[in-house]
C-alpha atoms as a PDB file:
ATOM      1  CA  MET A   1     -33.736 -13.760 -51.223  1.00  0.00           C
ATOM      2  CA  LYS A   2     -31.675 -15.538 -48.600  1.00  0.00           C
ATOM      3  CA  PRO A   3     -28.824 -17.420 -50.312  1.00  0.00           C
ATOM      4  CA  SER A   4     -26.490 -19.727 -48.408  1.00  0.00           C
ATOM      5  CA  VAL A   5     -22.835 -18.819 -48.055  1.00  0.00           C
ATOM      6  CA  THR A   6     -19.743 -20.736 -47.034  1.00  0.00           C
ATOM      7  CA  LEU A   7     -17.228 -19.356 -44.535  1.00  0.00           C
ATOM      8  CA  ASP A   8     -13.625 -20.389 -44.114  1.00  0.00           C
ATOM      9  CA  ARG A   9     -10.463 -18.854 -42.701  1.00  0.00           C
ATOM     10  CA  ASP A  10      -7.242 -18.661 -44.650  1.00  0.00           C
ATOM     11  CA  GLU A  11      -3.749 -19.176 -43.244  1.00  0.00           C
ATOM     12  CA  ASP A  12      -3.588 -15.491 -42.236  1.00  0.00           C
ATOM     13  CA  GLY A  13      -6.882 -15.620 -40.311  1.00  0.00           C
ATOM     14  CA  ILE A  14      -8.888 -13.723 -42.961  1.00  0.00           C
ATOM     15  CA  TRP A  15     -12.473 -14.905 -43.364  1.00  0.00           C
ATOM     16  CA  ILE A  16     -13.293 -15.977 -46.928  1.00  0.00           C
ATOM     17  CA  VAL A  17     -16.985 -16.065 -47.821  1.00  0.00           C
ATOM     18  CA  GLU A  18     -18.514 -17.486 -50.993  1.00  0.00           C
ATOM     19  CA  CYS A  19     -22.041 -17.724 -52.324  1.00  0.00           C
ATOM     20  CA  PRO A  20     -22.123 -21.032 -54.241  1.00  0.00           C
ATOM     21  CA  ALA A  21     -25.442 -20.193 -55.943  1.00  0.00           C
ATOM     22  CA  ILE A  22     -23.861 -17.175 -57.685  1.00  0.00           C
ATOM     23  CA  PRO A  23     -20.765 -18.131 -59.706  1.00  0.00           C
ATOM     24  CA  GLY A  24     -17.770 -15.960 -58.856  1.00  0.00           C
ATOM     25  CA  CYS A  25     -19.415 -14.290 -55.873  1.00  0.00           C
ATOM     26  CA  VAL A  26     -16.668 -14.267 -53.247  1.00  0.00           C
ATOM     27  CA  SER A  27     -15.636 -11.776 -50.578  1.00  0.00           C
ATOM     28  CA  GLN A  28     -13.558 -11.592 -47.414  1.00  0.00           C
ATOM     29  CA  GLY A  29     -13.083  -9.736 -44.149  1.00  0.00           C
ATOM     30  CA  LYS A  30     -10.777  -9.521 -41.156  1.00  0.00           C
ATOM     31  CA  THR A  31     -13.652 -10.532 -38.877  1.00  0.00           C
ATOM     32  CA  LYS A  32     -16.590 -12.839 -39.454  1.00  0.00           C
ATOM     33  CA  PRO A  33     -19.164 -10.002 -39.171  1.00  0.00           C
ATOM     34  CA  GLN A  34     -17.153  -7.891 -41.641  1.00  0.00           C
ATOM     35  CA  ALA A  35     -16.907 -10.793 -44.085  1.00  0.00           C
ATOM     36  CA  LEU A  36     -20.670 -11.362 -43.892  1.00  0.00           C
ATOM     37  CA  LYS A  37     -21.341  -7.653 -44.471  1.00  0.00           C
ATOM     38  CA  ASN A  38     -19.013  -7.725 -47.468  1.00  0.00           C
ATOM     39  CA  ILE A  39     -20.628 -10.806 -49.018  1.00  0.00           C
ATOM     40  CA  ARG A  40     -24.059  -9.176 -48.740  1.00  0.00           C
ATOM     41  CA  GLU A  41     -22.729  -6.262 -50.799  1.00  0.00           C
ATOM     42  CA  ALA A  42     -21.020  -8.644 -53.237  1.00  0.00           C
ATOM     43  CA  ILE A  43     -24.236 -10.636 -53.707  1.00  0.00           C
ATOM     44  CA  THR A  44     -26.165  -7.474 -54.520  1.00  0.00           C
ATOM     45  CA  LEU A  45     -23.564  -6.372 -57.061  1.00  0.00           C
ATOM     46  CA  CYS A  46     -23.213  -9.826 -58.632  1.00  0.00           C
ATOM     47  CA  LEU A  47     -26.986 -10.089 -59.057  1.00  0.00           C
ATOM     48  CA  GLU A  48     -27.082  -6.656 -60.727  1.00  0.00           C
ATOM     49  CA  VAL A  49     -24.336  -7.619 -63.184  1.00  0.00           C
ATOM     50  CA  ARG A  50     -25.922 -10.983 -63.969  1.00  0.00           C
ATOM     51  CA  ALA A  51     -29.285  -9.296 -64.602  1.00  0.00           C
ATOM     52  CA  GLU A  52     -27.678  -6.681 -66.883  1.00  0.00           C
ATOM     53  CA  ARG A  53     -26.003  -9.434 -68.903  1.00  0.00           C
ATOM     54  CA  GLY A  54     -29.167 -11.507 -69.153  1.00  0.00           C
ATOM     55  CA  LEU A  55     -27.666 -14.373 -67.172  1.00  0.00           C
ATOM     56  CA  PRO A  56     -29.653 -16.485 -64.729  1.00  0.00           C
ATOM     57  CA  LEU A  57     -29.418 -14.813 -61.337  1.00  0.00           C
ATOM     58  CA  THR A  58     -28.406 -18.014 -59.593  1.00  0.00           C
ATOM     59  CA  VAL A  59     -27.423 -21.571 -60.406  1.00  0.00           C
ATOM     60  CA  GLU A  60     -28.928 -24.591 -58.722  1.00  0.00           C
ATOM     61  CA  THR A  61     -27.216 -25.851 -55.593  1.00  0.00           C
ATOM     62  CA  GLN A  62     -28.136 -28.918 -53.645  1.00  0.00           C
ATOM     63  CA  GLN A  63     -26.947 -30.797 -50.605  1.00  0.00           C
ATOM     64  CA  VAL A  64     -26.064 -34.452 -51.030  1.00  0.00           C
ATOM     65  CA  GLU A  65     -25.527 -37.143 -48.448  1.00  0.00           C
ATOM     66  CA  VAL A  66     -22.102 -38.755 -48.434  1.00  0.00           C
ATOM     67  CA  LEU A  67     -21.708 -42.038 -46.639  1.00  0.00           C
ATOM     68  CA  ALA A  68     -18.328 -42.426 -45.000  1.00  0.00           C
END
C-alpha cells in the first residue's frame, strides 16, 4: 500500500502531514523527514484500528481538475 499524503507547515514551522484516504490520520514533525516517518507509523496504527472495528480501511479519494 502506498497512500498519498499532504504536507503543510504551520505558523511555527512544524510540518503537518495528513493521509486523506484514511479519515483522521494526521501526524506532524519538526522536520519533513520526521513528519513523514511519523505519518507512516500513524497510517499503520489507523489501519489496525479500522480493521479491528470492521471499518473500510480507506475511503475513496480522487483528483479533480479545477479551471481558474
